[in-house]
Amino acid sequence: MMNTEDLQINYENLLKLGYVVVDVRFKDYDVLSESQKLVIARVDSDRDEFYQGMLKQYTSIEFKPNEVFDIWTDILKHKIKMSNILNRDIAIKVAALDYIETVYSHR
């Protein structure tokens, strides 16, 4: 089982290389038992606004630029937690919406 505390992502370095983290996979996709399954995609344009745009698309909320990476990491952790509870991989959009409803709105 992936520990959500182990999820550390260097977004800035990935963005410099032209990559973004779009998802994290649950055990249905495991090849190695304890490795993280981050889903990385290549982006050529608007790298600086990618996460902000993706969060707005998933949640309809426009987050401040200085909180985007923390919120995206929290959503990925929330997806891992939900997937562990349900014992199946859930959609990242479902995790984002559930995070906003159950965690973020209660801060």
Protein backbone atom coordinates (compact mmCIF):
# COMPACT_ATOMS: atom_id res chain seq x y z
CA MET A 1 0.00 0.00 0.00
CA MET A 2 1.35 3.42 -0.96
CA ASN A 3 1.85 5.73 1.98
CA THR A 4 0.52 9.19 1.22
CA GLU A 5 3.28 10.73 3.32
CA ASP A 6 5.83 9.39 0.83
CA LEU A 7 4.35 11.38 -2.05
CA GLN A 8 6.85 14.11 -2.84
CA ILE A 9 6.92 15.74 -6.25
CA ASN A 10 9.34 18.35 -7.53
CA TYR A 11 6.90 20.17 -9.81
CA GLU A 12 9.32 22.94 -10.73
CA ASN A 13 11.96 20.57 -12.10
CA LEU A 14 9.38 18.57 -14.01
CA LEU A 15 7.90 21.75 -15.50
CA LYS A 16 11.36 22.92 -16.57
CA LEU A 17 11.73 19.64 -18.45
CA GLY A 18 8.26 20.06 -19.99
CA TYR A 19 6.45 17.42 -17.90
CA VAL A 20 3.48 17.49 -15.53
CA VAL A 21 1.99 14.99 -13.09
CA VAL A 22 -1.60 14.35 -14.17
CA ASP A 23 -2.54 11.40 -11.98
CA VAL A 24 -1.38 8.67 -9.60
CA ARG A 25 -2.44 5.04 -10.03
CA PHE A 26 -3.68 2.56 -7.48
CA LYS A 27 -2.59 -1.07 -7.13
CA ASP A 28 -4.57 -2.27 -10.16
CA TYR A 29 -1.64 -0.92 -12.14
CA ASP A 30 1.16 -2.21 -9.90
CA VAL A 31 4.22 -3.69 -11.49
CA LEU A 32 6.37 -3.33 -8.38
CA SER A 33 4.52 -3.61 -5.08
CA GLU A 34 5.73 -0.47 -3.29
CA SER A 35 6.55 1.92 -6.11
CA GLN A 36 4.53 5.04 -6.79
CA LYS A 37 2.70 5.13 -10.07
CA LEU A 38 2.68 8.78 -11.03
CA VAL A 39 1.22 9.46 -14.44
CA ILE A 40 3.44 12.00 -16.20
CA ALA A 41 2.50 13.84 -19.39
CA ARG A 42 4.50 16.06 -21.72
CA VAL A 43 3.32 19.63 -22.19
CA ASP A 44 4.84 22.05 -24.63
CA SER A 45 2.91 25.24 -23.98
CA ASP A 46 1.39 27.02 -20.98
CA ARG A 47 3.40 24.90 -18.56
CA ASP A 48 3.25 27.58 -15.91
CA GLU A 49 -0.55 27.59 -15.94
CA PHE A 50 -1.12 23.87 -16.48
CA TYR A 51 -1.98 22.89 -12.90
CA GLN A 52 -4.06 25.99 -12.31
CA GLY A 53 -6.06 25.27 -15.47
CA MET A 54 -6.47 21.59 -14.63
CA LEU A 55 -7.69 22.39 -11.11
CA LYS A 56 -10.17 24.91 -12.49
CA GLN A 57 -11.42 22.37 -15.03
CA TYR A 58 -11.88 19.67 -12.37
CA THR A 59 -13.22 21.81 -9.52
CA SER A 60 -14.48 25.07 -11.09
CA ILE A 61 -12.35 26.92 -8.54
CA GLU A 62 -9.56 29.31 -9.43
CA PHE A 63 -6.80 28.76 -6.89
CA LYS A 64 -4.02 31.22 -6.13
CA PRO A 65 -0.78 30.39 -7.96
CA ASN A 66 1.12 29.97 -4.67
CA GLU A 67 -1.23 27.21 -3.45
CA VAL A 68 -1.70 25.22 -6.66
CA PHE A 69 1.11 22.67 -6.17
CA ASP A 70 0.13 21.97 -2.55
CA ILE A 71 -3.52 21.50 -3.48
CA TRP A 72 -2.66 19.22 -6.41
CA THR A 73 -0.42 17.11 -4.14
CA ASP A 74 -3.25 16.96 -1.56
CA ILE A 75 -5.65 15.80 -4.28
CA LEU A 76 -3.22 13.06 -5.36
CA LYS A 77 -2.89 11.96 -1.72
CA HIS A 78 -6.68 12.06 -1.36
CA LYS A 79 -7.00 9.85 -4.43
CA ILE A 80 -4.59 7.31 -2.91
CA LYS A 81 -6.56 7.35 0.34
CA MET A 82 -9.93 6.94 -1.42
CA SER A 83 -8.56 4.18 -3.67
CA ASN A 84 -7.20 2.31 -0.63
CA ILE A 85 -10.58 2.56 1.12
CA LEU A 86 -12.53 1.45 -1.97
CA ASN A 87 -9.83 -1.06 -2.97
CA ARG A 88 -9.89 0.15 -6.57
CA ASP A 89 -8.52 2.97 -8.68
CA ILE A 90 -10.82 5.99 -8.81
CA ALA A 91 -10.81 8.82 -11.32
CA ILE A 92 -8.66 11.83 -10.53
CA LYS A 93 -11.65 14.12 -11.18
CA VAL A 94 -13.68 12.21 -8.57
CA ALA A 95 -10.81 12.59 -6.09
CA ALA A 96 -10.52 16.31 -6.85
CA LEU A 97 -14.24 16.92 -6.33
CA ASP A 98 -14.35 14.82 -3.18
CA TYR A 99 -11.28 16.61 -1.82
CA ILE A 100 -12.93 20.01 -2.40
CA GLU A 101 -16.19 18.88 -0.77
CA THR A 102 -14.79 16.99 2.21
CA VAL A 103 -11.40 18.52 3.00
CA TYR A 104 -10.73 21.87 1.37
CA SER A 105 -14.10 23.44 2.15
CA HIS A 106 -13.66 22.60 5.86
CA ARG A 107 -10.31 24.36 6.33
